[in-house]
Amino acid sequence: FLGPTGVGKTDLAISLFKTVPLEIISVDSVQVYKGMDIGTGKPSKEILGKYPHNLLSFIDPWKSYSTALFNILSASLKFPTKYYPQPIESII
């Protein structure tokens, strides 16, 4: 689901997660960065523990991230899995 921060995308994904086998993939341009949890709208650790999100908090803030890299990483995810098929650092 795409839309601005705070409109309920995570709540909708969680509702679907409870009934349909799916992977949640973050497409947020800021939530990808490690340690940037305040002001980014990232789900809480409690929510992430119950409902894993892919492509969230995996890259250091001083590294660049792009649409091209998102396309590569999202295409490499295999369903069903909660883990990346290879360490992200090996691609970046």
N, C-alpha and C. Protein backbone atom coordinates (compact mmCIF):
# COMPACT_ATOMS: atom_id res chain seq x y z
N PHE A 1 0.83 -1.16 0.00
CA PHE A 1 0.00 0.00 0.00
C PHE A 1 0.88 1.23 0.00
N LEU A 2 0.54 2.18 -0.78
CA LEU A 2 1.29 3.43 -0.83
C LEU A 2 0.41 4.56 -0.32
N GLY A 3 1.04 5.50 0.36
CA GLY A 3 0.32 6.66 0.86
C GLY A 3 1.18 7.42 1.84
N PRO A 4 0.73 8.57 2.28
CA PRO A 4 1.51 9.38 3.21
C PRO A 4 1.60 8.75 4.60
N THR A 5 2.55 9.22 5.40
CA THR A 5 2.72 8.74 6.76
C THR A 5 1.47 9.00 7.58
N GLY A 6 1.11 8.00 8.39
CA GLY A 6 0.02 8.18 9.33
C GLY A 6 -1.38 7.94 8.82
N VAL A 7 -1.53 7.30 7.67
CA VAL A 7 -2.89 7.08 7.15
C VAL A 7 -3.41 5.66 7.40
N GLY A 8 -2.60 4.80 8.03
CA GLY A 8 -3.06 3.46 8.39
C GLY A 8 -2.58 2.32 7.52
N LYS A 9 -1.52 2.53 6.75
CA LYS A 9 -1.01 1.47 5.88
C LYS A 9 -0.53 0.27 6.70
N THR A 10 0.19 0.53 7.80
CA THR A 10 0.70 -0.56 8.63
C THR A 10 -0.46 -1.33 9.27
N ASP A 11 -1.46 -0.63 9.78
CA ASP A 11 -2.62 -1.30 10.38
C ASP A 11 -3.32 -2.19 9.36
N LEU A 12 -3.46 -1.71 8.14
CA LEU A 12 -4.09 -2.51 7.09
C LEU A 12 -3.25 -3.74 6.77
N ALA A 13 -1.94 -3.56 6.66
CA ALA A 13 -1.04 -4.69 6.37
C ALA A 13 -1.11 -5.73 7.49
N ILE A 14 -1.17 -5.28 8.74
CA ILE A 14 -1.27 -6.20 9.88
C ILE A 14 -2.59 -6.96 9.84
N SER A 15 -3.67 -6.28 9.53
CA SER A 15 -4.97 -6.95 9.43
C SER A 15 -4.93 -8.04 8.36
N LEU A 16 -4.34 -7.74 7.22
CA LEU A 16 -4.22 -8.73 6.16
C LEU A 16 -3.29 -9.87 6.55
N PHE A 17 -2.17 -9.53 7.24
CA PHE A 17 -1.18 -10.51 7.67
C PHE A 17 -1.84 -11.59 8.53
N LYS A 18 -2.84 -11.20 9.32
CA LYS A 18 -3.51 -12.13 10.23
C LYS A 18 -4.39 -13.13 9.48
N THR A 19 -4.78 -12.82 8.27
CA THR A 19 -5.70 -13.69 7.54
C THR A 19 -5.14 -14.27 6.24
N VAL A 20 -4.15 -13.61 5.67
CA VAL A 20 -3.59 -14.03 4.38
C VAL A 20 -2.08 -14.18 4.53
N PRO A 21 -1.48 -15.27 4.04
CA PRO A 21 -0.03 -15.39 4.12
C PRO A 21 0.63 -14.37 3.19
N LEU A 22 1.34 -13.42 3.79
CA LEU A 22 1.97 -12.39 2.98
C LEU A 22 3.25 -11.90 3.63
N GLU A 23 4.06 -11.24 2.85
CA GLU A 23 5.27 -10.58 3.32
C GLU A 23 5.02 -9.09 3.31
N ILE A 24 5.42 -8.40 4.37
CA ILE A 24 5.32 -6.95 4.42
C ILE A 24 6.66 -6.38 3.99
N ILE A 25 6.66 -5.57 2.95
CA ILE A 25 7.88 -4.96 2.43
C ILE A 25 7.75 -3.45 2.56
N SER A 26 8.67 -2.86 3.31
CA SER A 26 8.65 -1.41 3.46
C SER A 26 9.17 -0.75 2.20
N VAL A 27 8.48 0.30 1.75
CA VAL A 27 8.94 1.06 0.59
C VAL A 27 9.28 2.49 0.99
N ASP A 28 9.38 2.75 2.28
CA ASP A 28 9.66 4.10 2.77
C ASP A 28 11.13 4.44 2.55
N SER A 29 11.38 5.64 2.07
CA SER A 29 12.75 6.06 1.75
C SER A 29 13.59 6.37 2.97
N VAL A 30 12.99 6.54 4.14
CA VAL A 30 13.75 6.86 5.35
C VAL A 30 13.78 5.67 6.32
N GLN A 31 12.75 4.85 6.32
CA GLN A 31 12.67 3.72 7.25
C GLN A 31 13.71 2.64 6.96
N VAL A 32 14.38 2.72 5.84
CA VAL A 32 15.42 1.74 5.50
C VAL A 32 16.66 1.91 6.37
N TYR A 33 16.84 3.10 6.95
CA TYR A 33 18.08 3.41 7.66
C TYR A 33 18.06 2.93 9.11
N LYS A 34 19.16 2.30 9.52
CA LYS A 34 19.33 1.85 10.90
C LYS A 34 19.40 3.05 11.83
N GLY A 35 18.78 2.90 13.00
CA GLY A 35 18.90 3.91 14.04
C GLY A 35 18.06 5.15 13.85
N MET A 36 17.38 5.27 12.75
CA MET A 36 16.54 6.45 12.49
C MET A 36 15.09 6.07 12.80
N ASP A 37 14.80 5.93 14.09
CA ASP A 37 13.49 5.44 14.50
C ASP A 37 12.54 6.56 14.88
N ILE A 38 13.07 7.70 15.28
CA ILE A 38 12.23 8.82 15.70
C ILE A 38 11.89 9.68 14.48
N GLY A 39 10.61 9.96 14.32
CA GLY A 39 10.17 10.84 13.24
C GLY A 39 10.05 10.17 11.89
N THR A 40 10.25 8.86 11.82
CA THR A 40 10.17 8.18 10.52
C THR A 40 8.89 7.37 10.38
N GLY A 41 8.14 7.22 11.45
CA GLY A 41 6.90 6.44 11.39
C GLY A 41 7.13 4.94 11.36
N LYS A 42 8.33 4.48 11.78
CA LYS A 42 8.59 3.04 11.81
C LYS A 42 7.66 2.36 12.81
N PRO A 43 7.22 1.15 12.49
CA PRO A 43 6.43 0.39 13.46
C PRO A 43 7.27 0.10 14.70
N SER A 44 6.60 -0.10 15.83
CA SER A 44 7.29 -0.38 17.09
C SER A 44 7.98 -1.74 17.04
N LYS A 45 8.93 -1.95 17.94
CA LYS A 45 9.61 -3.25 18.02
C LYS A 45 8.62 -4.36 18.32
N GLU A 46 7.60 -4.05 19.10
CA GLU A 46 6.57 -5.04 19.42
C GLU A 46 5.83 -5.47 18.15
N ILE A 47 5.43 -4.51 17.35
CA ILE A 47 4.74 -4.82 16.09
C ILE A 47 5.66 -5.59 15.16
N LEU A 48 6.91 -5.15 15.04
CA LEU A 48 7.86 -5.83 14.15
C LEU A 48 8.13 -7.25 14.60
N GLY A 49 8.08 -7.50 15.92
CA GLY A 49 8.28 -8.85 16.44
C GLY A 49 7.16 -9.79 16.02
N LYS A 50 5.96 -9.27 15.94
CA LYS A 50 4.79 -10.08 15.56
C LYS A 50 4.59 -10.13 14.04
N TYR A 51 4.90 -9.01 13.39
CA TYR A 51 4.63 -8.86 11.96
C TYR A 51 5.90 -8.35 11.27
N PRO A 52 6.80 -9.26 10.91
CA PRO A 52 8.09 -8.84 10.33
C PRO A 52 7.92 -8.03 9.05
N HIS A 53 8.75 -7.02 8.94
CA HIS A 53 8.77 -6.16 7.75
C HIS A 53 10.12 -6.35 7.05
N ASN A 54 10.10 -6.52 5.77
CA ASN A 54 11.33 -6.59 4.97
C ASN A 54 11.75 -5.18 4.55
N LEU A 55 13.04 -5.02 4.32
CA LEU A 55 13.63 -3.75 3.86
C LEU A 55 13.34 -2.61 4.84
N LEU A 56 13.57 -2.89 6.11
CA LEU A 56 13.36 -1.91 7.17
C LEU A 56 14.58 -1.94 8.09
N SER A 57 15.17 -0.78 8.35
CA SER A 57 16.31 -0.66 9.28
C SER A 57 17.47 -1.58 8.91
N PHE A 58 17.89 -1.55 7.67
CA PHE A 58 18.96 -2.46 7.26
C PHE A 58 20.19 -1.78 6.69
N ILE A 59 20.16 -0.48 6.48
CA ILE A 59 21.29 0.19 5.85
C ILE A 59 21.78 1.33 6.76
N ASP A 60 23.08 1.51 6.82
CA ASP A 60 23.65 2.59 7.63
C ASP A 60 23.29 3.94 7.02
N PRO A 61 23.02 4.94 7.87
CA PRO A 61 22.57 6.25 7.37
C PRO A 61 23.55 6.96 6.44
N TRP A 62 24.82 6.63 6.51
CA TRP A 62 25.80 7.31 5.66
C TRP A 62 25.93 6.63 4.28
N LYS A 63 25.20 5.55 4.06
CA LYS A 63 25.22 4.89 2.76
C LYS A 63 24.03 5.37 1.94
N SER A 64 24.19 5.34 0.63
CA SER A 64 23.10 5.80 -0.23
C SER A 64 22.13 4.66 -0.51
N TYR A 65 20.91 5.05 -0.82
CA TYR A 65 19.85 4.11 -1.15
C TYR A 65 19.10 4.68 -2.34
N SER A 66 18.66 3.85 -3.23
CA SER A 66 18.02 4.35 -4.44
C SER A 66 16.87 3.43 -4.86
N THR A 67 16.10 3.90 -5.80
CA THR A 67 15.02 3.10 -6.36
C THR A 67 15.60 1.86 -7.04
N ALA A 68 16.73 2.01 -7.69
CA ALA A 68 17.36 0.87 -8.36
C ALA A 68 17.74 -0.21 -7.34
N LEU A 69 18.31 0.21 -6.21
CA LEU A 69 18.68 -0.76 -5.18
C LEU A 69 17.43 -1.40 -4.57
N PHE A 70 16.39 -0.60 -4.36
CA PHE A 70 15.12 -1.16 -3.87
C PHE A 70 14.62 -2.24 -4.82
N ASN A 71 14.65 -1.97 -6.12
CA ASN A 71 14.19 -2.95 -7.11
C ASN A 71 14.98 -4.25 -7.03
N ILE A 72 16.29 -4.14 -6.88
CA ILE A 72 17.14 -5.33 -6.77
C ILE A 72 16.80 -6.11 -5.51
N LEU A 73 16.73 -5.40 -4.37
CA LEU A 73 16.49 -6.07 -3.09
C LEU A 73 15.09 -6.67 -3.01
N SER A 74 14.08 -5.93 -3.43
CA SER A 74 12.72 -6.45 -3.34
C SER A 74 12.52 -7.64 -4.28
N ALA A 75 13.17 -7.62 -5.43
CA ALA A 75 13.07 -8.74 -6.36
C ALA A 75 13.76 -9.99 -5.82
N SER A 76 14.74 -9.80 -4.92
CA SER A 76 15.47 -10.95 -4.39
C SER A 76 14.75 -11.63 -3.24
N LEU A 77 13.68 -11.02 -2.72
CA LEU A 77 12.91 -11.64 -1.64
C LEU A 77 12.11 -12.81 -2.20
N LYS A 78 12.14 -13.91 -1.48
CA LYS A 78 11.41 -15.11 -1.92
C LYS A 78 10.31 -15.41 -0.92
N PHE A 79 9.12 -15.69 -1.39
CA PHE A 79 8.00 -16.01 -0.52
C PHE A 79 7.91 -17.51 -0.35
N PRO A 80 7.61 -18.03 0.81
CA PRO A 80 7.49 -17.33 2.08
C PRO A 80 8.81 -17.35 2.83
N THR A 81 9.26 -16.23 3.30
CA THR A 81 10.46 -16.15 4.14
C THR A 81 10.42 -14.90 4.97
N LYS A 82 11.02 -14.95 6.15
CA LYS A 82 11.17 -13.77 6.98
C LYS A 82 12.59 -13.25 6.89
N TYR A 83 13.42 -13.89 6.09
CA TYR A 83 14.84 -13.55 6.04
C TYR A 83 15.24 -13.20 4.62
N TYR A 84 16.25 -12.38 4.52
CA TYR A 84 16.79 -12.03 3.21
C TYR A 84 17.55 -13.23 2.67
N PRO A 85 17.50 -13.48 1.36
CA PRO A 85 18.18 -14.63 0.79
C PRO A 85 19.71 -14.52 0.86
N GLN A 86 20.19 -13.33 1.04
CA GLN A 86 21.63 -13.12 1.23
C GLN A 86 21.80 -11.85 2.08
N PRO A 87 22.92 -11.73 2.75
CA PRO A 87 23.10 -10.51 3.55
C PRO A 87 22.99 -9.26 2.69
N ILE A 88 22.24 -8.29 3.17
CA ILE A 88 22.07 -7.04 2.43
C ILE A 88 23.42 -6.40 2.14
N GLU A 89 24.35 -6.49 3.12
CA GLU A 89 25.65 -5.86 2.96
C GLU A 89 26.41 -6.39 1.76
N SER A 90 26.09 -7.62 1.33
CA SER A 90 26.79 -8.18 0.17
C SER A 90 26.32 -7.55 -1.14
N ILE A 91 25.16 -6.89 -1.10
CA ILE A 91 24.62 -6.27 -2.31
C ILE A 91 24.99 -4.79 -2.36
N ILE A 92 25.01 -4.14 -1.20
CA ILE A 92 25.22 -2.70 -1.13
C ILE A 92 26.69 -2.37 -1.39
